[in-house]
């Protein structure tokens, strides 16, 4: 029986914004894994997810429920979307 060994690569990420690093650290702590493991898992999920149908993150879904900064005319927005073919 032949044994197949997986090869692994090393990736260094420079100029990572502090807020991204902070969020990565929080997510890792919440899952009880290292920040490096969290980065690997996040990258793998992102790369392996089918294009166009990715599961939204909790953060992205939370942003949808935020109150608009200023009032807007929903009918006007709806009409503009209809006219642009975005119904």
Protein backbone atom coordinates (compact mmCIF):
# COMPACT_ATOMS: atom_id res chain seq x y z
CA UNK A 1 0.00 0.00 0.00
CA UNK A 2 1.36 3.42 -0.99
CA UNK A 3 1.17 6.30 1.41
CA UNK A 4 0.35 9.69 -0.09
CA UNK A 5 1.80 12.63 1.78
CA UNK A 6 0.16 16.01 1.51
CA UNK A 7 2.43 18.91 0.80
CA UNK A 8 1.94 22.16 2.61
CA UNK A 9 3.08 25.64 1.75
CA UNK A 10 4.03 28.63 3.82
CA UNK A 11 2.40 31.98 3.19
CA UNK A 12 3.51 35.26 4.77
CA UNK A 13 1.02 38.11 4.77
CA UNK A 14 2.48 41.58 5.03
CA UNK A 15 0.68 44.87 5.71
CA UNK A 16 -2.33 43.23 7.33
CA UNK A 17 -4.54 46.01 8.74
CA UNK A 18 -4.75 46.05 12.55
CA UNK A 19 -8.55 45.71 12.55
CA UNK A 20 -8.32 42.53 10.46
CA UNK A 21 -5.72 41.07 12.80
CA UNK A 22 -7.85 42.00 15.82
CA UNK A 23 -10.93 40.31 14.33
CA UNK A 24 -8.92 37.23 13.41
CA UNK A 25 -7.61 37.04 16.97
CA UNK A 26 -11.18 37.35 18.37
CA UNK A 27 -12.51 34.64 16.08
CA UNK A 28 -9.64 32.33 16.99
CA UNK A 29 -10.23 32.89 20.71
CA UNK A 30 -13.97 32.22 20.31
CA UNK A 31 -13.19 28.90 18.60
CA UNK A 32 -10.34 28.01 20.96
CA UNK A 33 -7.77 27.75 18.17
CA UNK A 34 -4.61 29.63 17.30
CA UNK A 35 -4.77 32.73 15.17
CA UNK A 36 -2.75 30.86 12.55
CA UNK A 37 -5.32 28.03 12.49
CA UNK A 38 -8.17 30.52 12.22
CA UNK A 39 -6.43 32.20 9.27
CA UNK A 40 -5.93 28.81 7.56
CA UNK A 41 -9.55 27.79 8.11
CA UNK A 42 -10.90 31.16 6.95
CA UNK A 43 -8.75 31.10 3.83
CA UNK A 44 -9.73 27.50 3.05
CA UNK A 45 -13.46 28.26 3.46
CA UNK A 46 -13.14 31.30 1.23
CA UNK A 47 -11.19 29.56 -1.51
CA UNK A 48 -13.18 26.31 -1.48
CA UNK A 49 -16.65 27.90 -1.32
CA UNK A 50 -18.55 27.77 -4.62
CA UNK A 51 -18.26 31.09 -6.43
CA UNK A 52 -21.33 33.28 -6.22
CA UNK A 53 -23.05 31.33 -3.43
CA UNK A 54 -20.97 31.98 -0.34
CA UNK A 55 -22.59 31.83 3.05
CA UNK A 56 -22.76 35.36 4.49
CA UNK A 57 -20.90 36.05 7.70
CA UNK A 58 -22.65 37.10 10.89
CA UNK A 59 -21.01 40.52 10.51
CA UNK A 60 -22.37 40.95 6.98
CA UNK A 61 -25.86 39.94 8.06
CA UNK A 62 -25.73 42.28 11.07
CA UNK A 63 -24.93 45.20 8.78
CA UNK A 64 -28.15 44.54 6.85
CA UNK A 65 -30.21 45.31 9.93
CA UNK A 66 -28.65 48.70 10.64
CA UNK A 67 -30.75 51.83 10.47
CA UNK A 68 -29.98 54.04 7.44
CA UNK A 69 -27.95 57.17 8.16
CA UNK A 70 -30.56 59.40 6.54
CA UNK A 71 -34.16 58.98 5.35
CA UNK A 72 -34.74 57.72 1.82
CA UNK A 73 -37.67 57.28 -0.54
CA UNK A 74 -38.20 53.52 -0.83
CA UNK A 75 -40.54 53.88 -3.82
CA UNK A 76 -37.93 55.93 -5.69
CA UNK A 77 -35.23 53.37 -4.93
CA UNK A 78 -37.55 50.54 -5.99
CA UNK A 79 -38.45 52.35 -9.23
CA UNK A 80 -34.77 52.96 -9.99
CA UNK A 81 -33.98 49.30 -9.40
CA UNK A 82 -36.87 48.28 -11.65
CA UNK A 83 -35.72 50.63 -14.40
CA UNK A 84 -32.17 49.25 -14.11
CA UNK A 85 -33.48 45.68 -14.41
CA UNK A 86 -32.63 44.74 -10.83
CA UNK A 87 -36.10 43.62 -9.82
